[in-house]
Amino acid sequence: DGIPSVRAPVIFSDAELSIAQPSPALDEHGADV
């Protein structure tokens, strides 16, 4: 989402990494959770 990052150094043959969301803003999900 516009923020550069370094992916986890793992490649699965039959699974995917979950690397789509950047680090959250402080309390970004507080109300919903």
PDB file of all heavy atoms in Angstrom:
ATOM      1  N   ASP A   1       0.825  -1.203   0.000  1.00  0.00           N
ATOM      2  CA  ASP A   1       0.000   0.000   0.000  1.00  0.00           C
ATOM      3  C   ASP A   1       0.860   1.256   0.000  1.00  0.00           C
ATOM      4  O   ASP A   1       0.627   2.203   0.747  1.00  0.00           O
ATOM      5  CB  ASP A   1      -0.943  -0.008   1.201  1.00  0.00           C
ATOM      6  CG  ASP A   1      -2.080   1.004   1.048  1.00  0.00           C
ATOM      7  OD1 ASP A   1      -2.358   1.427  -0.094  1.00  0.00           O
ATOM      8  OD2 ASP A   1      -2.682   1.371   2.074  1.00  0.00           O
ATOM      9  N   GLY A   2       1.899   1.242  -0.836  1.00  0.00           N
ATOM     10  CA  GLY A   2       2.773   2.403  -0.968  1.00  0.00           C
ATOM     11  C   GLY A   2       3.935   2.443  -0.002  1.00  0.00           C
ATOM     12  O   GLY A   2       4.769   3.351  -0.071  1.00  0.00           O
ATOM     13  N   ILE A   3       4.018   1.469   0.900  1.00  0.00           N
ATOM     14  CA  ILE A   3       5.113   1.425   1.862  1.00  0.00           C
ATOM     15  C   ILE A   3       6.048   0.275   1.490  1.00  0.00           C
ATOM     16  O   ILE A   3       5.614  -0.878   1.388  1.00  0.00           O
ATOM     17  CB  ILE A   3       4.584   1.223   3.297  1.00  0.00           C
ATOM     18  CG1 ILE A   3       3.711   2.421   3.696  1.00  0.00           C
ATOM     19  CG2 ILE A   3       5.741   1.060   4.286  1.00  0.00           C
ATOM     20  CD1 ILE A   3       3.053   2.263   5.043  1.00  0.00           C
ATOM     21  N   PRO A   4       7.335   0.551   1.265  1.00  0.00           N
ATOM     22  CA  PRO A   4       8.256  -0.536   0.917  1.00  0.00           C
ATOM     23  C   PRO A   4       8.483  -1.450   2.108  1.00  0.00           C
ATOM     24  O   PRO A   4       8.472  -1.014   3.262  1.00  0.00           O
ATOM     25  CB  PRO A   4       9.540   0.206   0.529  1.00  0.00           C
ATOM     26  CG  PRO A   4       9.473   1.495   1.283  1.00  0.00           C
ATOM     27  CD  PRO A   4       8.017   1.853   1.355  1.00  0.00           C
ATOM     28  N   SER A   5       8.693  -2.719   1.832  1.00  0.00           N
ATOM     29  CA  SER A   5       8.951  -3.682   2.897  1.00  0.00           C
ATOM     30  C   SER A   5       9.805  -4.805   2.342  1.00  0.00           C
ATOM     31  O   SER A   5      10.048  -4.880   1.135  1.00  0.00           O
ATOM     32  CB  SER A   5       7.627  -4.225   3.457  1.00  0.00           C
ATOM     33  OG  SER A   5       7.845  -4.970   4.642  1.00  0.00           O
ATOM     34  N   VAL A   6      10.276  -5.667   3.237  1.00  0.00           N
ATOM     35  CA  VAL A   6      11.083  -6.817   2.860  1.00  0.00           C
ATOM     36  C   VAL A   6      10.273  -8.067   3.178  1.00  0.00           C
ATOM     37  O   VAL A   6       9.852  -8.271   4.316  1.00  0.00           O
ATOM     38  CB  VAL A   6      12.417  -6.845   3.637  1.00  0.00           C
ATOM     39  CG1 VAL A   6      13.262  -8.045   3.203  1.00  0.00           C
ATOM     40  CG2 VAL A   6      13.182  -5.547   3.440  1.00  0.00           C
ATOM     41  N   ARG A   7      10.041  -8.904   2.156  1.00  0.00           N
ATOM     42  CA  ARG A   7       9.194 -10.068   2.382  1.00  0.00           C
ATOM     43  C   ARG A   7       9.893 -11.103   3.251  1.00  0.00           C
ATOM     44  O   ARG A   7      11.128 -11.137   3.352  1.00  0.00           O
ATOM     45  CB  ARG A   7       8.771 -10.705   1.064  1.00  0.00           C
ATOM     46  CG  ARG A   7       9.837 -11.484   0.336  1.00  0.00           C
ATOM     47  CD  ARG A   7       9.225 -12.465  -0.679  1.00  0.00           C
ATOM     48  NE  ARG A   7      10.245 -13.153  -1.455  1.00  0.00           N
ATOM     49  CZ  ARG A   7      10.879 -14.236  -1.036  1.00  0.00           C
ATOM     50  NH1 ARG A   7      10.612 -14.745   0.148  1.00  0.00           N
ATOM     51  NH2 ARG A   7      11.790 -14.812  -1.809  1.00  0.00           N
ATOM     52  N   ALA A   8       9.086 -11.942   3.897  1.00  0.00           N
ATOM     53  CA  ALA A   8       9.648 -13.060   4.641  1.00  0.00           C
ATOM     54  C   ALA A   8      10.432 -13.957   3.690  1.00  0.00           C
ATOM     55  O   ALA A   8       9.989 -14.212   2.566  1.00  0.00           O
ATOM     56  CB  ALA A   8       8.529 -13.855   5.315  1.00  0.00           C
ATOM     57  N   PRO A   9      11.608 -14.443   4.119  1.00  0.00           N
ATOM     58  CA  PRO A   9      12.486 -15.185   3.208  1.00  0.00           C
ATOM     59  C   PRO A   9      12.111 -16.659   3.081  1.00  0.00           C
ATOM     60  O   PRO A   9      12.949 -17.547   3.217  1.00  0.00           O
ATOM     61  CB  PRO A   9      13.852 -15.018   3.873  1.00  0.00           C
ATOM     62  CG  PRO A   9      13.528 -14.983   5.335  1.00  0.00           C
ATOM     63  CD  PRO A   9      12.231 -14.232   5.438  1.00  0.00           C
ATOM     64  N   VAL A  10      10.840 -16.913   2.820  1.00  0.00           N
ATOM     65  CA  VAL A  10      10.335 -18.282   2.723  1.00  0.00           C
ATOM     66  C   VAL A  10       9.476 -18.400   1.478  1.00  0.00           C
ATOM     67  O   VAL A  10       8.652 -17.512   1.204  1.00  0.00           O
ATOM     68  CB  VAL A  10       9.495 -18.653   3.963  1.00  0.00           C
ATOM     69  CG1 VAL A  10       8.905 -20.049   3.815  1.00  0.00           C
ATOM     70  CG2 VAL A  10      10.326 -18.555   5.240  1.00  0.00           C
ATOM     71  N   ILE A  11       9.655 -19.473   0.710  1.00  0.00           N
ATOM     72  CA  ILE A  11       8.799 -19.759  -0.439  1.00  0.00           C
ATOM     73  C   ILE A  11       8.257 -21.178  -0.270  1.00  0.00           C
ATOM     74  O   ILE A  11       9.025 -22.137  -0.209  1.00  0.00           O
ATOM     75  CB  ILE A  11       9.565 -19.625  -1.769  1.00  0.00           C
ATOM     76  CG1 ILE A  11      10.018 -18.174  -1.977  1.00  0.00           C
ATOM     77  CG2 ILE A  11       8.681 -20.072  -2.943  1.00  0.00           C
ATOM     78  CD1 ILE A  11      10.858 -17.955  -3.220  1.00  0.00           C
ATOM     79  N   PHE A  12       6.933 -21.292  -0.144  1.00  0.00           N
ATOM     80  CA  PHE A  12       6.277 -22.587  -0.010  1.00  0.00           C
ATOM     81  C   PHE A  12       5.897 -23.102  -1.396  1.00  0.00           C
ATOM     82  O   PHE A  12       5.524 -22.324  -2.274  1.00  0.00           O
ATOM     83  CB  PHE A  12       5.010 -22.467   0.837  1.00  0.00           C
ATOM     84  CG  PHE A  12       5.253 -22.077   2.277  1.00  0.00           C
ATOM     85  CD1 PHE A  12       5.030 -20.774   2.717  1.00  0.00           C
ATOM     86  CD2 PHE A  12       5.689 -23.020   3.197  1.00  0.00           C
ATOM     87  CE1 PHE A  12       5.235 -20.424   4.032  1.00  0.00           C
ATOM     88  CE2 PHE A  12       5.899 -22.674   4.521  1.00  0.00           C
ATOM     89  CZ  PHE A  12       5.669 -21.372   4.943  1.00  0.00           C
ATOM     90  N   SER A  13       5.930 -24.414  -1.572  1.00  0.00           N
ATOM     91  CA  SER A  13       5.504 -24.991  -2.845  1.00  0.00           C
ATOM     92  C   SER A  13       3.993 -25.100  -2.947  1.00  0.00           C
ATOM     93  O   SER A  13       3.439 -25.135  -4.042  1.00  0.00           O
ATOM     94  CB  SER A  13       6.128 -26.379  -3.038  1.00  0.00           C
ATOM     95  OG  SER A  13       5.586 -27.313  -2.119  1.00  0.00           O
ATOM     96  N   ASP A  14       3.315 -25.157  -1.795  1.00  0.00           N
ATOM     97  CA  ASP A  14       1.869 -25.364  -1.823  1.00  0.00           C
ATOM     98  C   ASP A  14       1.156 -24.458  -0.831  1.00  0.00           C
ATOM     99  O   ASP A  14       0.134 -24.827  -0.251  1.00  0.00           O
ATOM    100  CB  ASP A  14       1.548 -26.832  -1.511  1.00  0.00           C
ATOM    101  CG  ASP A  14       0.113 -27.204  -1.892  1.00  0.00           C
ATOM    102  OD1 ASP A  14      -0.430 -26.598  -2.840  1.00  0.00           O
ATOM    103  OD2 ASP A  14      -0.459 -28.089  -1.220  1.00  0.00           O
ATOM    104  N   ALA A  15       1.705 -23.292  -0.603  1.00  0.00           N
ATOM    105  CA  ALA A  15       1.073 -22.318   0.292  1.00  0.00           C
ATOM    106  C   ALA A  15       1.582 -20.934  -0.077  1.00  0.00           C
ATOM    107  O   ALA A  15       2.527 -20.788  -0.856  1.00  0.00           O
ATOM    108  CB  ALA A  15       1.381 -22.635   1.753  1.00  0.00           C
ATOM    109  N   GLU A  16       0.942 -19.927   0.473  1.00  0.00           N
ATOM    110  CA  GLU A  16       1.314 -18.546   0.196  1.00  0.00           C
ATOM    111  C   GLU A  16       1.651 -17.832   1.504  1.00  0.00           C
ATOM    112  O   GLU A  16       1.176 -18.204   2.577  1.00  0.00           O
ATOM    113  CB  GLU A  16       0.161 -17.810  -0.489  1.00  0.00           C
ATOM    114  CG  GLU A  16      -0.234 -18.376  -1.840  1.00  0.00           C
ATOM    115  CD  GLU A  16      -1.447 -17.662  -2.423  1.00  0.00           C
ATOM    116  OE1 GLU A  16      -2.014 -16.810  -1.716  1.00  0.00           O
ATOM    117  OE2 GLU A  16      -1.821 -17.974  -3.565  1.00  0.00           O
ATOM    118  N   LEU A  17       2.475 -16.813   1.391  1.00  0.00           N
ATOM    119  CA  LEU A  17       2.682 -15.911   2.510  1.00  0.00           C
ATOM    120  C   LEU A  17       1.550 -14.900   2.553  1.00  0.00           C
ATOM    121  O   LEU A  17       0.913 -14.609   1.535  1.00  0.00           O
ATOM    122  CB  LEU A  17       4.017 -15.179   2.378  1.00  0.00           C
ATOM    123  CG  LEU A  17       5.285 -16.022   2.505  1.00  0.00           C
ATOM    124  CD1 LEU A  17       6.503 -15.188   2.144  1.00  0.00           C
ATOM    125  CD2 LEU A  17       5.419 -16.602   3.909  1.00  0.00           C
ATOM    126  N   SER A  18       1.324 -14.347   3.724  1.00  0.00           N
ATOM    127  CA  SER A  18       0.332 -13.289   3.875  1.00  0.00           C
ATOM    128  C   SER A  18       1.065 -11.965   4.027  1.00  0.00           C
ATOM    129  O   SER A  18       1.312 -11.495   5.135  1.00  0.00           O
ATOM    130  CB  SER A  18      -0.551 -13.553   5.101  1.00  0.00           C
ATOM    131  OG  SER A  18      -1.487 -12.510   5.278  1.00  0.00           O
ATOM    132  N   ILE A  19       1.455 -11.403   2.901  1.00  0.00           N
ATOM    133  CA  ILE A  19       2.183 -10.125   2.923  1.00  0.00           C
ATOM    134  C   ILE A  19       1.435  -9.160   2.016  1.00  0.00           C
ATOM    135  O   ILE A  19       1.735  -9.018   0.830  1.00  0.00           O
ATOM    136  CB  ILE A  19       3.641 -10.289   2.463  1.00  0.00           C
ATOM    137  CG1 ILE A  19       4.352 -11.323   3.339  1.00  0.00           C
ATOM    138  CG2 ILE A  19       4.386  -8.959   2.556  1.00  0.00           C
ATOM    139  CD1 ILE A  19       5.790 -11.561   2.981  1.00  0.00           C
ATOM    140  N   ALA A  20       0.451  -8.507   2.590  1.00  0.00           N
ATOM    141  CA  ALA A  20      -0.366  -7.579   1.816  1.00  0.00           C
ATOM    142  C   ALA A  20      -0.636  -6.283   2.565  1.00  0.00           C
ATOM    143  O   ALA A  20      -0.859  -5.255   1.957  1.00  0.00           O
ATOM    144  CB  ALA A  20      -1.702  -8.235   1.445  1.00  0.00           C
ATOM    145  N   GLN A  21      -0.573  -6.347   3.895  1.00  0.00           N
ATOM    146  CA  GLN A  21      -0.908  -5.173   4.693  1.00  0.00           C
ATOM    147  C   GLN A  21       0.331  -4.592   5.356  1.00  0.00           C
ATOM    148  O   GLN A  21       1.129  -5.333   5.936  1.00  0.00           O
ATOM    149  CB  GLN A  21      -1.924  -5.549   5.771  1.00  0.00           C
ATOM    150  CG  GLN A  21      -3.242  -6.077   5.248  1.00  0.00           C
ATOM    151  CD  GLN A  21      -4.180  -6.490   6.371  1.00  0.00           C
ATOM    152  OE1 GLN A  21      -3.909  -6.257   7.544  1.00  0.00           O
ATOM    153  NE2 GLN A  21      -5.274  -7.121   6.018  1.00  0.00           N
ATOM    154  N   PRO A  22       0.505  -3.290   5.308  1.00  0.00           N
ATOM    155  CA  PRO A  22       1.631  -2.670   6.005  1.00  0.00           C
ATOM    156  C   PRO A  22       1.399  -2.674   7.509  1.00  0.00           C
ATOM    157  O   PRO A  22       0.343  -3.096   7.996  1.00  0.00           O
ATOM    158  CB  PRO A  22       1.635  -1.241   5.453  1.00  0.00           C
ATOM    159  CG  PRO A  22       0.197  -0.975   5.114  1.00  0.00           C
ATOM    160  CD  PRO A  22      -0.349  -2.295   4.624  1.00  0.00           C
ATOM    161  N   SER A  23       2.371  -2.200   8.245  1.00  0.00           N
ATOM    162  CA  SER A  23       2.205  -2.070   9.683  1.00  0.00           C
ATOM    163  C   SER A  23       1.051  -1.118   9.979  1.00  0.00           C
ATOM    164  O   SER A  23       0.850  -0.138   9.266  1.00  0.00           O
ATOM    165  CB  SER A  23       3.492  -1.542  10.313  1.00  0.00           C
ATOM    166  OG  SER A  23       4.573  -2.406  10.028  1.00  0.00           O
ATOM    167  N   PRO A  24       0.294  -1.388  11.035  1.00  0.00           N
ATOM    168  CA  PRO A  24      -0.896  -0.581  11.306  1.00  0.00           C
ATOM    169  C   PRO A  24      -0.566   0.760  11.957  1.00  0.00           C
ATOM    170  O   PRO A  24       0.448   0.904  12.655  1.00  0.00           O
ATOM    171  CB  PRO A  24      -1.693  -1.459  12.275  1.00  0.00           C
ATOM    172  CG  PRO A  24      -0.626  -2.203  13.029  1.00  0.00           C
ATOM    173  CD  PRO A  24       0.454  -2.486  12.013  1.00  0.00           C
ATOM    174  N   ALA A  25      -1.431   1.719  11.741  1.00  0.00           N
ATOM    175  CA  ALA A  25      -1.380   2.953  12.522  1.00  0.00           C
ATOM    176  C   ALA A  25      -1.800   2.621  13.953  1.00  0.00           C
ATOM    177  O   ALA A  25      -2.490   1.632  14.210  1.00  0.00           O
ATOM    178  CB  ALA A  25      -2.303   4.002  11.924  1.00  0.00           C
ATOM    179  N   LEU A  26      -1.387   3.431  14.904  1.00  0.00           N
ATOM    180  CA  LEU A  26      -1.732   3.196  16.298  1.00  0.00           C
ATOM    181  C   LEU A  26      -3.243   3.173  16.484  1.00  0.00           C
ATOM    182  O   LEU A  26      -3.937   4.104  16.081  1.00  0.00           O
ATOM    183  CB  LEU A  26      -1.101   4.277  17.184  1.00  0.00           C
ATOM    184  CG  LEU A  26      -1.392   4.187  18.677  1.00  0.00           C
ATOM    185  CD1 LEU A  26      -0.883   2.863  19.256  1.00  0.00           C
ATOM    186  CD2 LEU A  26      -0.759   5.370  19.411  1.00  0.00           C
ATOM    187  N   ASP A  27      -3.745   2.084  17.051  1.00  0.00           N
ATOM    188  CA  ASP A  27      -5.176   1.872  17.335  1.00  0.00           C
ATOM    189  C   ASP A  27      -6.036   1.887  16.070  1.00  0.00           C
ATOM    190  O   ASP A  27      -7.234   2.149  16.129  1.00  0.00           O
ATOM    191  CB  ASP A  27      -5.690   2.926  18.326  1.00  0.00           C
ATOM    192  CG  ASP A  27      -6.960   2.463  19.048  1.00  0.00           C
ATOM    193  OD1 ASP A  27      -7.103   1.258  19.304  1.00  0.00           O
ATOM    194  OD2 ASP A  27      -7.821   3.326  19.331  1.00  0.00           O
ATOM    195  N   GLU A  28      -5.439   1.549  14.936  1.00  0.00           N
ATOM    196  CA  GLU A  28      -6.176   1.569  13.670  1.00  0.00           C
ATOM    197  C   GLU A  28      -7.394   0.640  13.700  1.00  0.00           C
ATOM    198  O   GLU A  28      -8.408   0.919  13.061  1.00  0.00           O
ATOM    199  CB  GLU A  28      -5.240   1.165  12.529  1.00  0.00           C
ATOM    200  CG  GLU A  28      -5.877   1.175  11.156  1.00  0.00           C
ATOM    201  CD  GLU A  28      -4.900   0.850  10.039  1.00  0.00           C
ATOM    202  OE1 GLU A  28      -3.674   0.925  10.263  1.00  0.00           O
ATOM    203  OE2 GLU A  28      -5.364   0.506   8.926  1.00  0.00           O
ATOM    204  N   HIS A  29      -7.303  -0.442  14.443  1.00  0.00           N
ATOM    205  CA  HIS A  29      -8.383  -1.428  14.445  1.00  0.00           C
ATOM    206  C   HIS A  29      -9.093  -1.508  15.793  1.00  0.00           C
ATOM    207  O   HIS A  29      -9.861  -2.437  16.030  1.00  0.00           O
ATOM    208  CB  HIS A  29      -7.807  -2.806  14.079  1.00  0.00           C
ATOM    209  CG  HIS A  29      -7.029  -2.804  12.803  1.00  0.00           C
ATOM    210  ND1 HIS A  29      -5.663  -2.607  12.771  1.00  0.00           N
ATOM    211  CD2 HIS A  29      -7.429  -2.934  11.515  1.00  0.00           C
ATOM    212  CE1 HIS A  29      -5.243  -2.646  11.519  1.00  0.00           C
ATOM    213  NE2 HIS A  29      -6.290  -2.835  10.742  1.00  0.00           N
ATOM    214  N   GLY A  30      -8.804  -0.551  16.666  1.00  0.00           N
ATOM    215  CA  GLY A  30      -9.346  -0.612  18.018  1.00  0.00           C
ATOM    216  C   GLY A  30     -10.857  -0.692  18.089  1.00  0.00           C
ATOM    217  O   GLY A  30     -11.418  -1.557  18.770  1.00  0.00           O
ATOM    218  N   ALA A  31     -11.547   0.204  17.385  1.00  0.00           N
ATOM    219  CA  ALA A  31     -13.010   0.252  17.489  1.00  0.00           C
ATOM    220  C   ALA A  31     -13.643  -1.037  16.985  1.00  0.00           C
ATOM    221  O   ALA A  31     -14.537  -1.604  17.638  1.00  0.00           O
ATOM    222  CB  ALA A  31     -13.542   1.456  16.709  1.00  0.00           C
ATOM    223  N   ASP A  32     -13.169  -1.533  15.826  1.00  0.00           N
ATOM    224  CA  ASP A  32     -13.755  -2.746  15.260  1.00  0.00           C
ATOM    225  C   ASP A  32     -13.508  -3.962  16.145  1.00  0.00           C
ATOM    226  O   ASP A  32     -14.413  -4.764  16.385  1.00  0.00           O
ATOM    227  CB  ASP A  32     -13.190  -3.009  13.862  1.00  0.00           C
ATOM    228  CG  ASP A  32     -13.779  -2.093  12.813  1.00  0.00           C
ATOM    229  OD1 ASP A  32     -14.819  -1.467  13.102  1.00  0.00           O
ATOM    230  OD2 ASP A  32     -13.195  -1.993  11.722  1.00  0.00           O
ATOM    231  N   VAL A  33     -12.268  -4.105  16.624  1.00  0.00           N
ATOM    232  CA  VAL A  33     -11.957  -5.279  17.437  1.00  0.00           C
ATOM    233  C   VAL A  33     -12.727  -5.245  18.749  1.00  0.00           C
ATOM    234  O   VAL A  33     -13.269  -6.262  19.203  1.00  0.00           O
ATOM    235  CB  VAL A  33     -10.442  -5.376  17.682  1.00  0.00           C
ATOM    236  CG1 VAL A  33     -10.125  -6.486  18.687  1.00  0.00           C
ATOM    237  CG2 VAL A  33      -9.704  -5.632  16.374  1.00  0.00           C
TER     238      VAL A  33
END
